[in-house]
Amino acid sequence: MTALRPAAVTAAGWGWRHAGRRRWAVADLDLEVPAGQRVLLLGASGAGKSTLMRGLAGVLGDQEDGEQTGRLFVDGVPPAHARGRAGLVLQDPDAQVVLARVGDDIAFACENLGVPRDEIWRRVDAALDAVGLPLRRDHPTTRLSGGQKQRLALAGVLAMRPGLVLLDEPTANLDPDGAVEVRDAVLAATGGATLVVVEHRVGLWAAHMDRVIVLGEHGLLADGTPDDVFARHAHELTAAGVWVPGTEPWHSPRPRRAGDAPVLLQARDLAVGRRAFGARMPQVAASGISVCVDAGRALAVTGPNGAGKSTLAMTLAGLLEPAGGELAATARLRAGIGPAPREWSSRRLLTRIGMVFQEPEHQLLTARVREELAVGPRAVRLGETEVAARVDPLLERLRLTRLAQVNPFTLSGGEKRRLTVAAALATRPRVLVLDEPTYGQDARTWRELADLIDEVRDAGTGVVFVTHDRELVSALADDELCLQPQPGLRPGALPVHGSRR
């Protein structure tokens, strides 16, 4: 693909504060990015990376959405006036899906830019091929996994052929092989365009970038070539929570309990799938799954994108009906109610199985972070004193106290993820199901989440986590279930059991 003329970026004393916030998301930023440069933009969770990316794309909004200081330019004009010059892949790709069919969704931006019809479809097909998404143009977007939606969003940007490509966590929901494939596709397909990438998988990109810029609480923390930044500022960056290549996340696991663990959930020859709107039967995503969820043990669900991991997680959590086979809760978990989690009321689910979705926005309900954490405890009719006793420690533990009165939808991706984990824990469920729990986390918050999950498991909770994060599997998993797509429409499961300790 051939990019448009590469764009130059200028920030002069630029800052942005979201409406209703006291703290500036970005403040007093001075920056020059020459046309054609490839930049890796780093910083701790909440440092303002996504805010800067949205600012460069011209989608931060107007005075009702926030307050701006200084100047931010793309090719010498405000980004909102540089139509078609910047293409942004959002941190949450689900929020970027617009239309019902894959081809139409990729073509959407091109149509708005007035690209000729025949040229649009040439670009659509080339973009699908570039990001490794081997689907027909008429494939429903509702049947895409989170990782496939990331590829779709990237394809839509590549089809625009912008001069400035902005990628916010473009590989966060991709399996390791898929992440490398998408990175290589980006580098090949963006041509000479200016490229700015926000990514916690630093080692994946560092060697391919011209420059590393690190945002801190008070402006730029570091700026230079990758080798220079990581050599001169490694200690400072690690202390700030920035992932540094070659530095493994530290986690000190608690000792494992001896003896057999009580079974809480048991699946036998389980098939899982989702029913499309109006369809009588679900589309099977994975089948042949036999696995147990045990008290005080953690089960990692791994495998490539599209293998059915998220669908399995939602089925285990009682939110989807099994497409076949059996899924039953033992007497220890169900405590006098029916064995099928799918048949339980939401109030009964709350204290038995907690679920954290892959897309945090799908479970945010209120206009304040503190209120979000209180939803579950109030639903099970706890008094306000007990609600506060559960909410306040979680706010502190996951670095959300200063955000207690903030609208959850204005949080960064990493902050939303910590909030939804905390909300699930607030009802103290016996089983905790987490879909990509470390998505969007810096090195510091990764450790804190790993410690918290380990603590919950040590207290006797059965934990299931879907992940592409091999460090998390190594740190926490007692057992691993690896789902592998099979030819045809019925993927299967290859279970791998046994202690990892």
Protein backbone atom coordinates (compact mmCIF):
# COMPACT_ATOMS: atom_id res chain seq x y z
CA MET A 1 0.00 0.00 0.00
CA THR A 2 1.19 3.53 -0.75
CA ALA A 3 0.72 6.12 1.97
CA LEU A 4 -0.07 9.75 1.36
CA ARG A 5 2.64 12.35 1.89
CA PRO A 6 3.94 11.77 5.46
CA ALA A 7 2.65 14.23 8.05
CA ALA A 8 4.62 16.30 10.57
CA VAL A 9 3.48 16.76 14.19
CA THR A 10 4.04 19.76 16.45
CA ALA A 11 3.03 20.28 20.09
CA ALA A 12 3.81 23.62 21.77
CA GLY A 13 2.84 23.84 25.44
CA TRP A 14 -0.09 21.57 24.63
CA GLY A 15 -2.30 20.16 27.32
CA TRP A 16 -5.75 18.63 27.73
CA ARG A 17 -8.00 18.19 30.74
CA HIS A 18 -11.11 16.06 30.40
CA ALA A 19 -14.39 17.65 31.49
CA GLY A 20 -15.04 17.09 35.18
CA ARG A 21 -11.38 16.32 35.99
CA ARG A 22 -9.05 18.33 38.21
CA ARG A 23 -5.91 16.67 36.89
CA TRP A 24 -4.62 17.38 33.40
CA ALA A 25 -4.31 14.25 31.26
CA VAL A 26 -1.42 15.90 29.39
CA ALA A 27 0.22 19.19 30.39
CA ASP A 28 2.80 21.55 28.86
CA LEU A 29 3.89 19.15 26.13
CA ASP A 30 6.52 20.41 23.68
CA LEU A 31 7.21 18.01 20.85
CA GLU A 32 8.34 17.87 17.21
CA VAL A 33 7.88 14.72 15.12
CA PRO A 34 9.34 15.09 11.62
CA ALA A 35 7.42 13.71 8.66
CA GLY A 36 8.11 10.01 8.12
CA GLN A 37 9.49 9.27 11.59
CA ARG A 38 8.45 6.10 13.45
CA VAL A 39 7.80 6.77 17.14
CA LEU A 40 7.12 4.41 20.04
CA LEU A 41 5.10 6.36 22.64
CA LEU A 42 5.44 4.96 26.18
CA GLY A 43 4.35 5.85 29.70
CA ALA A 44 2.68 4.44 32.76
CA SER A 45 -1.04 3.63 32.72
CA GLY A 46 -2.91 6.95 32.86
CA ALA A 47 0.08 9.03 31.68
CA GLY A 48 -1.94 10.56 28.84
CA LYS A 49 -0.80 8.46 25.88
CA SER A 50 -4.30 7.78 24.56
CA THR A 51 -5.27 11.43 25.11
CA LEU A 52 -2.36 12.59 22.96
CA MET A 53 -3.25 10.05 20.26
CA ARG A 54 -6.86 11.23 20.18
CA GLY A 55 -5.67 14.82 20.08
CA LEU A 56 -3.49 14.11 17.04
CA ALA A 57 -6.43 12.37 15.36
CA GLY A 58 -8.67 15.38 16.02
CA VAL A 59 -11.29 13.43 17.99
CA LEU A 60 -10.91 14.81 21.54
CA GLY A 61 -14.02 16.95 21.16
CA ASP A 62 -14.84 20.56 21.91
CA GLN A 63 -15.05 22.76 25.01
CA GLU A 64 -17.88 20.65 26.42
CA ASP A 65 -15.59 17.62 26.40
CA GLY A 66 -12.57 19.26 27.99
CA GLU A 67 -10.14 22.15 28.22
CA GLN A 68 -7.12 22.66 25.95
CA THR A 69 -4.00 24.76 26.39
CA GLY A 70 -1.18 25.46 23.93
CA ARG A 71 -1.14 24.29 20.34
CA LEU A 72 -1.22 20.90 18.63
CA PHE A 73 -0.70 20.75 14.86
CA VAL A 74 -0.59 18.17 12.09
CA ASP A 75 1.12 19.64 9.04
CA GLY A 76 0.83 23.11 10.57
CA VAL A 77 -2.96 23.05 11.14
CA PRO A 78 -5.13 21.86 14.04
CA PRO A 79 -5.76 18.09 13.72
CA ALA A 80 -9.53 18.56 13.37
CA HIS A 81 -8.86 20.52 10.17
CA ALA A 82 -6.46 17.96 8.71
CA ARG A 83 -9.19 15.67 7.40
CA GLY A 84 -7.91 12.32 6.18
CA ARG A 85 -4.30 13.01 7.20
CA ALA A 86 -4.43 10.89 10.39
CA GLY A 87 -5.79 7.41 10.94
CA LEU A 88 -6.31 6.15 14.52
CA VAL A 89 -6.75 2.61 15.84
CA LEU A 90 -8.38 3.01 19.24
CA GLN A 91 -7.30 1.22 22.40
CA ASP A 92 -10.71 -0.49 22.39
CA PRO A 93 -11.22 -1.85 18.85
CA ASP A 94 -14.81 -2.86 19.66
CA ALA A 95 -15.66 0.84 19.86
CA GLN A 96 -14.36 1.29 16.30
CA VAL A 97 -16.63 -1.27 14.61
CA VAL A 98 -19.26 0.74 12.75
CA LEU A 99 -21.00 -1.48 10.20
CA ALA A 100 -22.39 -5.00 10.10
CA ARG A 101 -20.08 -6.48 7.44
CA VAL A 102 -16.31 -6.63 7.40
CA GLY A 103 -15.86 -5.13 3.94
CA ASP A 104 -18.27 -2.26 4.57
CA ASP A 105 -16.58 -1.46 7.86
CA ILE A 106 -13.13 -1.21 6.25
CA ALA A 107 -14.57 0.88 3.40
CA PHE A 108 -16.38 3.32 5.73
CA ALA A 109 -13.55 5.85 6.16
CA CYS A 110 -12.62 5.70 2.48
CA GLU A 111 -16.22 6.49 1.51
CA ASN A 112 -16.21 9.51 3.83
CA LEU A 113 -13.00 10.71 2.19
CA GLY A 114 -14.56 10.47 -1.29
CA VAL A 115 -12.30 7.69 -2.62
CA PRO A 116 -13.67 6.33 -5.96
CA ARG A 117 -15.74 3.16 -5.55
CA ASP A 118 -13.51 0.81 -7.57
CA GLU A 119 -10.44 2.07 -5.71
CA ILE A 120 -12.18 1.56 -2.35
CA TRP A 121 -12.66 -2.17 -2.92
CA ARG A 122 -9.10 -2.61 -4.14
CA ARG A 123 -7.96 -0.98 -0.91
CA VAL A 124 -10.33 -3.11 1.21
CA ASP A 125 -9.00 -6.37 -0.21
CA ALA A 126 -5.39 -5.22 0.11
CA ALA A 127 -5.97 -4.16 3.74
CA LEU A 128 -7.58 -7.50 4.64
CA ASP A 129 -4.58 -9.28 3.23
CA ALA A 130 -2.09 -6.95 4.92
CA VAL A 131 -3.45 -7.53 8.45
CA GLY A 132 -3.93 -11.29 8.03
CA LEU A 133 -7.72 -11.36 8.24
CA PRO A 134 -8.75 -14.03 5.69
CA LEU A 135 -12.48 -13.28 5.66
CA ARG A 136 -15.05 -12.51 3.00
CA ARG A 137 -16.21 -8.93 2.65
CA ASP A 138 -19.69 -9.96 3.79
CA HIS A 139 -18.50 -11.69 6.99
CA PRO A 140 -20.55 -10.34 9.96
CA THR A 141 -18.57 -8.09 12.29
CA THR A 142 -20.62 -9.46 15.20
CA ARG A 143 -18.90 -12.82 14.76
CA LEU A 144 -15.37 -11.48 15.21
CA SER A 145 -13.24 -12.15 18.27
CA GLY A 146 -11.55 -9.27 20.10
CA GLY A 147 -8.29 -9.94 18.30
CA GLN A 148 -10.03 -10.07 14.93
CA LYS A 149 -11.68 -6.72 15.68
CA GLN A 150 -8.23 -5.28 16.30
CA ARG A 151 -7.13 -6.48 12.87
CA LEU A 152 -10.33 -5.07 11.36
CA ALA A 153 -9.75 -1.64 12.91
CA LEU A 154 -6.17 -1.64 11.63
CA ALA A 155 -7.35 -2.63 8.14
CA GLY A 156 -9.75 0.32 8.12
CA VAL A 157 -6.92 2.73 8.89
CA LEU A 158 -4.54 1.19 6.34
CA ALA A 159 -7.21 1.46 3.65
CA MET A 160 -7.37 5.23 4.25
CA ARG A 161 -3.64 5.50 3.43
CA PRO A 162 -3.13 8.43 5.83
CA GLY A 163 0.06 10.42 6.24
CA LEU A 164 -0.03 9.92 10.03
CA VAL A 165 -0.83 6.45 11.42
CA LEU A 166 -1.72 6.36 15.14
CA LEU A 167 -1.92 2.94 16.78
CA ASP A 168 -3.07 2.70 20.41
CA GLU A 169 -2.22 -0.78 21.77
CA PRO A 170 -2.62 -2.41 18.32
CA THR A 171 -1.62 -5.92 19.48
CA ALA A 172 -3.06 -5.99 23.01
CA ASN A 173 -5.66 -8.69 22.29
CA LEU A 174 -3.57 -10.68 19.81
CA ASP A 175 -1.80 -13.98 20.38
CA PRO A 176 2.03 -13.77 20.19
CA ASP A 177 2.26 -15.02 16.60
CA GLY A 178 -0.56 -12.72 15.54
CA ALA A 179 1.13 -9.76 17.24
CA VAL A 180 4.30 -10.30 15.20
CA GLU A 181 2.24 -10.71 12.03
CA VAL A 182 0.34 -7.48 12.64
CA ARG A 183 3.51 -5.56 13.52
CA ASP A 184 5.16 -6.69 10.30
CA ALA A 185 2.01 -5.78 8.36
CA VAL A 186 2.00 -2.30 9.88
CA LEU A 187 5.65 -1.69 9.07
CA ALA A 188 5.20 -2.92 5.50
CA ALA A 189 1.84 -1.31 4.77
CA THR A 190 2.40 2.16 6.22
CA GLY A 191 5.19 2.86 3.74
CA GLY A 192 6.71 6.26 4.39
CA ALA A 193 3.88 7.50 6.62
CA THR A 194 4.63 8.99 10.02
CA LEU A 195 3.91 6.27 12.58
CA VAL A 196 3.15 6.68 16.30
CA VAL A 197 2.57 3.49 18.29
CA VAL A 198 1.46 3.14 21.92
CA GLU A 199 2.28 -0.37 23.08
CA HIS A 200 3.08 -2.18 26.33
CA ARG A 201 4.76 -4.97 24.34
CA VAL A 202 7.82 -2.76 24.03
CA GLY A 203 10.19 -5.46 22.83
CA LEU A 204 7.91 -6.19 19.90
CA TRP A 205 8.41 -2.72 18.40
CA ALA A 206 11.55 -1.11 19.82
CA ALA A 207 14.05 -2.40 17.25
CA HIS A 208 11.86 -1.16 14.38
CA MET A 209 11.34 2.41 15.57
CA ASP A 210 13.39 5.55 15.04
CA ARG A 211 12.51 7.16 18.34
CA VAL A 212 11.09 6.47 21.81
CA ILE A 213 9.10 9.16 23.64
CA VAL A 214 8.10 8.51 27.25
CA LEU A 215 5.34 10.56 28.91
CA GLY A 216 5.52 11.16 32.65
CA GLU A 217 3.33 13.01 35.12
CA HIS A 218 5.06 16.31 34.37
CA GLY A 219 5.74 16.17 30.64
CA LEU A 220 8.41 14.19 28.83
CA LEU A 221 10.25 11.62 30.94
CA ALA A 222 12.61 10.53 28.15
CA ASP A 223 13.09 11.14 24.43
CA GLY A 224 15.65 9.65 22.06
CA THR A 225 16.61 6.61 20.05
CA PRO A 226 15.43 3.26 21.48
CA ASP A 227 18.98 2.17 22.43
CA ASP A 228 19.71 5.48 24.11
CA VAL A 229 16.45 5.71 26.06
CA PHE A 230 16.52 2.16 27.41
CA ALA A 231 20.24 2.27 28.23
CA ARG A 232 20.27 5.66 29.97
CA HIS A 233 16.84 5.65 31.62
CA ALA A 234 16.15 1.97 32.41
CA HIS A 235 16.00 2.42 36.20
CA GLU A 236 13.90 5.59 35.98
CA LEU A 237 11.49 4.03 33.49
CA THR A 238 11.09 0.83 35.51
CA ALA A 239 10.34 2.86 38.65
CA ALA A 240 7.68 4.77 36.72
CA GLY A 241 6.02 1.53 35.59
CA VAL A 242 7.20 1.59 31.98
CA TRP A 243 7.98 -1.78 30.43
CA VAL A 244 11.69 -1.97 29.60
CA PRO A 245 12.89 -4.64 27.11
CA GLY A 246 14.68 -7.49 28.87
CA THR A 247 13.13 -6.66 32.25
CA GLU A 248 10.74 -9.40 33.35
CA PRO A 249 7.74 -8.47 35.51
CA TRP A 250 8.52 -9.43 39.10
CA HIS A 251 5.95 -11.42 41.02
CA SER A 252 6.40 -13.44 44.20
CA PRO A 253 3.71 -16.14 44.23
CA ARG A 254 2.22 -17.49 47.41
CA PRO A 255 2.95 -21.13 48.29
CA ARG A 256 0.51 -23.70 46.92
CA ARG A 257 -1.74 -25.69 49.20
CA ALA A 258 -1.11 -29.40 49.49
CA GLY A 259 -3.83 -31.96 48.78
CA ASP A 260 -6.71 -32.19 46.31
CA ALA A 261 -8.64 -29.00 45.63
CA PRO A 262 -12.45 -29.10 45.78
CA VAL A 263 -14.11 -28.86 42.34
CA LEU A 264 -16.44 -25.87 41.86
CA LEU A 265 -17.31 -26.12 38.13
CA GLN A 266 -17.03 -29.14 35.86
CA ALA A 267 -17.33 -29.29 32.06
CA ARG A 268 -17.66 -32.57 30.16
CA ASP A 269 -17.40 -32.65 26.35
CA LEU A 270 -18.55 -29.02 26.39
CA ALA A 271 -19.25 -27.09 23.18
CA VAL A 272 -19.52 -23.31 23.32
CA GLY A 273 -20.83 -20.79 20.84
CA ARG A 274 -22.89 -17.66 20.31
CA ARG A 275 -26.26 -17.32 18.63
CA ALA A 276 -26.47 -14.67 15.94
CA PHE A 277 -29.53 -12.41 16.01
CA GLY A 278 -32.54 -14.34 14.72
CA ALA A 279 -30.67 -17.67 14.50
CA ARG A 280 -32.14 -20.79 16.10
CA MET A 281 -28.81 -22.49 16.78
CA PRO A 282 -25.53 -21.03 18.06
CA GLN A 283 -22.44 -20.86 15.88
CA VAL A 284 -20.05 -23.28 17.61
CA ALA A 285 -16.71 -21.67 18.52
CA ALA A 286 -15.06 -24.58 20.38
CA SER A 287 -16.04 -28.13 21.28
CA GLY A 288 -14.83 -31.22 23.10
CA ILE A 289 -13.84 -29.33 26.24
CA SER A 290 -13.51 -31.29 29.48
CA VAL A 291 -12.09 -29.27 32.34
CA CYS A 292 -12.56 -28.52 36.04
CA VAL A 293 -12.41 -25.21 37.90
CA ASP A 294 -11.05 -25.93 41.37
CA ALA A 295 -11.16 -23.90 44.57
CA GLY A 296 -7.84 -22.22 45.23
CA ARG A 297 -6.41 -22.95 41.77
CA ALA A 298 -5.97 -20.88 38.63
CA LEU A 299 -6.78 -22.16 35.13
CA ALA A 300 -5.23 -20.28 32.20
CA VAL A 301 -7.15 -20.47 28.90
CA THR A 302 -4.79 -19.80 26.01
CA GLY A 303 -4.66 -20.20 22.23
CA PRO A 304 -4.77 -18.13 19.05
CA ASN A 305 -7.40 -15.51 18.24
CA GLY A 306 -10.74 -16.88 17.12
CA ALA A 307 -10.32 -20.22 18.96
CA GLY A 308 -13.30 -19.55 21.26
CA LYS A 309 -11.52 -18.46 24.46
CA SER A 310 -13.82 -15.55 25.31
CA THR A 311 -16.90 -17.60 24.42
CA LEU A 312 -15.74 -20.35 26.78
CA ALA A 313 -15.13 -17.79 29.53
CA MET A 314 -18.64 -16.37 29.21
CA THR A 315 -20.10 -19.89 29.21
CA LEU A 316 -18.21 -20.86 32.37
CA ALA A 317 -19.46 -17.62 33.96
CA GLY A 318 -23.09 -18.56 33.28
CA LEU A 319 -23.65 -15.79 30.73
CA LEU A 320 -23.97 -18.03 27.66
CA GLU A 321 -25.83 -21.30 27.32
CA PRO A 322 -23.64 -24.28 26.38
CA ALA A 323 -23.93 -25.25 22.72
CA GLY A 324 -23.50 -28.91 23.68
CA GLY A 325 -22.13 -31.19 26.37
CA GLU A 326 -22.41 -30.51 30.10
CA LEU A 327 -21.47 -27.70 32.44
CA ALA A 328 -22.44 -28.04 36.08
CA ALA A 329 -21.61 -26.41 39.39
CA THR A 330 -20.88 -28.72 42.32
CA ALA A 331 -22.85 -28.56 45.55
CA ARG A 332 -20.01 -26.59 47.14
CA LEU A 333 -20.59 -23.71 44.68
CA ARG A 334 -24.33 -23.83 44.03
CA ALA A 335 -25.38 -24.07 47.72
CA GLY A 336 -28.93 -25.30 47.30
CA ILE A 337 -29.76 -23.93 43.84
CA GLY A 338 -29.73 -25.67 40.44
CA PRO A 339 -26.47 -27.02 39.01
CA ALA A 340 -26.52 -25.08 35.70
CA PRO A 341 -24.98 -21.57 36.11
CA ARG A 342 -26.85 -20.34 33.01
CA GLU A 343 -30.12 -20.84 34.89
CA TRP A 344 -29.16 -18.79 37.95
CA SER A 345 -30.49 -15.29 38.54
CA SER A 346 -28.04 -12.38 38.31
CA ARG A 347 -28.12 -11.90 42.09
CA ARG A 348 -27.21 -15.55 42.64
CA LEU A 349 -24.42 -15.30 40.11
CA LEU A 350 -22.91 -12.26 41.81
CA THR A 351 -21.59 -14.07 44.88
CA ARG A 352 -20.82 -17.32 43.06
CA ILE A 353 -19.21 -16.38 39.71
CA GLY A 354 -17.69 -13.01 38.85
CA MET A 355 -16.89 -12.15 35.23
CA VAL A 356 -14.53 -9.52 33.79
CA PHE A 357 -15.18 -9.01 30.07
CA GLN A 358 -12.50 -8.49 27.44
CA GLU A 359 -14.05 -5.10 26.65
CA PRO A 360 -14.37 -3.13 29.93
CA GLU A 361 -17.00 -0.79 28.47
CA HIS A 362 -19.43 -3.70 28.23
CA GLN A 363 -19.86 -3.83 32.01
CA LEU A 364 -19.67 -0.19 33.09
CA LEU A 365 -22.99 0.97 34.51
CA THR A 366 -22.60 4.19 36.49
CA ALA A 367 -21.21 7.72 36.18
CA ARG A 368 -18.67 7.45 39.04
CA VAL A 369 -15.85 5.00 39.72
CA ARG A 370 -16.84 4.57 43.40
CA GLU A 371 -20.45 3.92 42.44
CA GLU A 372 -19.31 1.33 39.90
CA LEU A 373 -17.62 -0.69 42.66
CA ALA A 374 -20.70 -0.39 44.87
CA VAL A 375 -23.16 -1.83 42.30
CA GLY A 376 -22.53 -5.48 43.16
CA PRO A 377 -22.44 -5.17 46.98
CA ARG A 378 -25.67 -3.15 46.91
CA ALA A 379 -27.30 -5.69 44.59
CA VAL A 380 -26.72 -8.39 47.22
CA ARG A 381 -28.22 -6.00 49.81
CA LEU A 382 -25.22 -5.14 51.90
CA GLY A 383 -25.44 -2.11 54.19
CA GLU A 384 -23.57 1.06 53.28
CA THR A 385 -20.96 0.47 55.99
CA GLU A 386 -20.13 -2.95 54.54
CA VAL A 387 -20.21 -1.54 51.00
CA ALA A 388 -17.62 1.07 51.96
CA ALA A 389 -15.52 -1.58 53.72
CA ARG A 390 -15.28 -3.46 50.42
CA VAL A 391 -14.99 -0.53 48.03
CA ASP A 392 -12.34 1.61 49.73
CA PRO A 393 -9.60 -1.07 49.97
CA LEU A 394 -10.12 -2.02 46.32
CA LEU A 395 -9.82 1.62 45.23
CA GLU A 396 -6.56 1.93 47.13
CA ARG A 397 -5.17 -1.44 46.06
CA LEU A 398 -5.64 -0.80 42.34
CA ARG A 399 -4.59 2.88 42.34
CA LEU A 400 -8.08 4.20 41.68
CA THR A 401 -8.63 6.32 44.81
CA ARG A 402 -7.84 9.63 43.09
CA LEU A 403 -10.34 8.66 40.37
CA ALA A 404 -13.19 7.74 42.72
CA GLN A 405 -15.50 10.55 41.52
CA VAL A 406 -14.51 10.32 37.84
CA ASN A 407 -16.77 9.00 35.08
CA PRO A 408 -15.52 5.45 34.31
CA PHE A 409 -15.92 5.97 30.57
CA THR A 410 -13.24 8.69 30.62
CA LEU A 411 -10.59 6.41 32.19
CA SER A 412 -7.66 5.03 30.22
CA GLY A 413 -7.90 1.44 28.98
CA GLY A 414 -5.64 0.19 31.77
CA GLU A 415 -7.64 2.05 34.42
CA LYS A 416 -10.92 0.65 33.08
CA ARG A 417 -9.47 -2.85 33.25
CA ARG A 418 -8.45 -2.42 36.91
CA LEU A 419 -11.88 -0.98 37.69
CA THR A 420 -13.75 -3.94 36.21
CA VAL A 421 -11.51 -6.42 38.05
CA ALA A 422 -12.19 -4.55 41.29
CA ALA A 423 -15.95 -4.49 40.58
CA ALA A 424 -16.00 -8.26 40.09
CA LEU A 425 -14.09 -8.78 43.35
CA ALA A 426 -16.40 -6.50 45.33
CA THR A 427 -19.03 -9.25 45.68
CA ARG A 428 -16.37 -11.82 46.70
CA PRO A 429 -17.41 -14.56 44.23
CA ARG A 430 -16.29 -18.17 44.69
CA VAL A 431 -15.21 -18.34 41.01
CA LEU A 432 -13.56 -15.44 39.19
CA VAL A 433 -13.44 -15.47 35.36
CA LEU A 434 -11.12 -12.88 33.78
CA ASP A 435 -10.80 -12.18 30.05
CA GLU A 436 -7.41 -10.58 29.32
CA PRO A 437 -6.91 -9.19 32.86
CA THR A 438 -3.52 -7.56 32.13
CA TYR A 439 -4.64 -5.74 28.98
CA GLY A 440 -3.33 -2.16 28.95
CA GLN A 441 -1.31 -2.46 32.17
CA ASP A 442 2.08 -0.93 32.82
CA ALA A 443 4.75 -2.95 34.63
CA ARG A 444 3.72 -1.64 38.05
CA THR A 445 -0.02 -2.21 37.72
CA TRP A 446 0.69 -5.61 36.12
CA ARG A 447 2.44 -6.69 39.31
CA GLU A 448 -0.37 -5.32 41.46
CA LEU A 449 -3.03 -7.17 39.46
CA ALA A 450 -1.00 -10.40 39.52
CA ASP A 451 -0.56 -10.08 43.29
CA LEU A 452 -4.28 -9.44 43.78
CA ILE A 453 -5.35 -12.40 41.64
CA ASP A 454 -2.84 -14.59 43.49
CA GLU A 455 -4.22 -13.39 46.81
CA VAL A 456 -7.78 -14.15 45.76
CA ARG A 457 -6.76 -17.62 44.59
CA ASP A 458 -4.87 -18.23 47.84
CA ALA A 459 -8.06 -17.41 49.78
CA GLY A 460 -9.84 -20.31 48.04
CA THR A 461 -11.43 -18.71 44.98
CA GLY A 462 -11.34 -20.65 41.74
CA VAL A 463 -9.76 -18.45 39.05
CA VAL A 464 -10.08 -18.77 35.27
CA PHE A 465 -8.18 -16.28 33.12
CA VAL A 466 -8.10 -15.97 29.33
CA THR A 467 -4.81 -14.51 28.22
CA HIS A 468 -2.10 -14.11 25.60
CA ASP A 469 0.27 -12.96 28.36
CA ARG A 470 2.82 -15.77 28.81
CA GLU A 471 4.37 -14.00 31.80
CA LEU A 472 0.99 -14.10 33.56
CA VAL A 473 0.58 -17.80 32.74
CA SER A 474 4.03 -18.50 34.15
CA ALA A 475 3.33 -16.48 37.29
CA LEU A 476 -0.16 -17.68 38.18
CA ALA A 477 -1.43 -20.72 36.29
CA ASP A 478 -1.81 -24.05 38.07
CA ASP A 479 -3.33 -25.56 34.92
CA GLU A 480 -3.56 -24.52 31.29
CA LEU A 481 -6.27 -25.20 28.71
CA CYS A 482 -5.03 -24.43 25.20
CA LEU A 483 -7.77 -24.00 22.60
CA GLN A 484 -6.75 -24.68 19.02
CA PRO A 485 -8.89 -23.91 15.96
CA GLN A 486 -9.75 -26.96 13.88
CA PRO A 487 -10.62 -27.04 10.17
CA GLY A 488 -14.21 -26.21 9.39
CA LEU A 489 -16.72 -24.33 11.51
CA ARG A 490 -16.32 -26.36 14.68
CA PRO A 491 -13.07 -25.54 16.46
CA GLY A 492 -12.01 -27.99 19.13
CA ALA A 493 -10.05 -27.94 22.36
CA LEU A 494 -6.73 -29.42 23.32
CA PRO A 495 -6.63 -29.50 27.14
CA VAL A 496 -3.26 -29.41 28.87
CA HIS A 497 -3.58 -30.21 32.59
CA GLY A 498 -1.21 -30.50 35.49
CA SER A 499 0.53 -28.40 38.10
CA ARG A 500 2.96 -25.78 36.85
CA ARG A 501 4.64 -25.45 40.23
